[in-house]
Amino acid sequence: MTAAAETSPYFLGVDGGGTGCRARIEDTAGTILGQGLSGPATTRLGVEEAWASIVRAFDAAIEEAGLSAVHIKRIHAGVGLAGISRKGALAALRAIEHPFASIDFVSDGEGACLGAHSGRDGAIVIAGTGSIGLGLVEGRQLRVGGYGFPISDEGSGAYLGLNAVQFALRAHDGREQKTALLAEIMQRFQNDTMEAVAWMDRASATDYATLAPMVLRHADQGDAVARRIVQSAAGHIDTLVRTLFEKGAPRVCLLGGLASPLEPWLAPDVRRSLKPIDGDAVSGAIILARRAIRQR
């Protein structure tokens, strides 16, 4: 091994989200040395719980890479974490002791945006359980929506589910025409409106989003109400994309679990304007980690 190789840095990228945490280690050439997975990592669970999940993911990546304690001291880490904007979260994370040469934190959305555009200016619209538009343009951070369900997150999986339940209750009352989708929704509640009310009292955005595949399936089969709901959701995603362009984003990518099923429903001009992503959120976290070297 050359002297340069013995002192060369390593780069660790971590993407921590509400459903899971992914870590990846690369060398200076970008060769992947190790990867790791763990459970949810979001400050909504508490900073300590989020950090514990991050540690499990990067420990697995370090083990797979076969790095010793000496190597670990040469790792520069970048972490994209869900819920980092919560009050006190960033300061608490920065106060935690770590074994690396450096560590930096951004939101999971910013990490995804960095990865999508290889660290260049650009924006993303995330359509999943929730929805949000995020961008980085000439040092400015752009944000459109994403303030949480039910007051925001239009066009998301939760939005699709909420609309489906609302229409189903109206159809049950006779205020709306019954369709196959609405019948299937009410069957989930044993055709009892009070069952729906009891479910609502404890339902989260994730619970509403579990109904989204059903809405999309019925829309593809021609169900009139399902089509109205999906077209409405797509219209909100159209607006997020157009607003990001209006705010100066040179390019926009569509990400998230609903990106693929919703794309055919988007307006033609919006579909033409979308660019495929360059890399994932872990790639974005590694870009963040590499900046520690350049800033020296």
Foldseek 3Di string as FASTA:
>chain_A
DDPCVLQFAKEKFWQAAQAWIKIWIAGPVRDTQFIFIFGHAACVVPLVVNVVRRCRGVVRRCVSSVDDLSRQQRYQFFYAHAHCPPPPNQVVVVPDDDSYVYYDYHHLLLLQQCQQAVNDWFWEWEAELFIWIWTADPNDIDTDWPPFPPVTRFLHLLQLLVLLQVQLVCVLVVNHPDWPSSVVVCVVQVVDVVSVVVCVVPDGSVNSSVCSVSLLVVVVVPTPSSVVSLLRSLVVVLVSQVVRVVVPGPAYAYHYPCRVSSLVSHDPVSNVRHDGGNGGSSSSRRSVSVVVVVVD
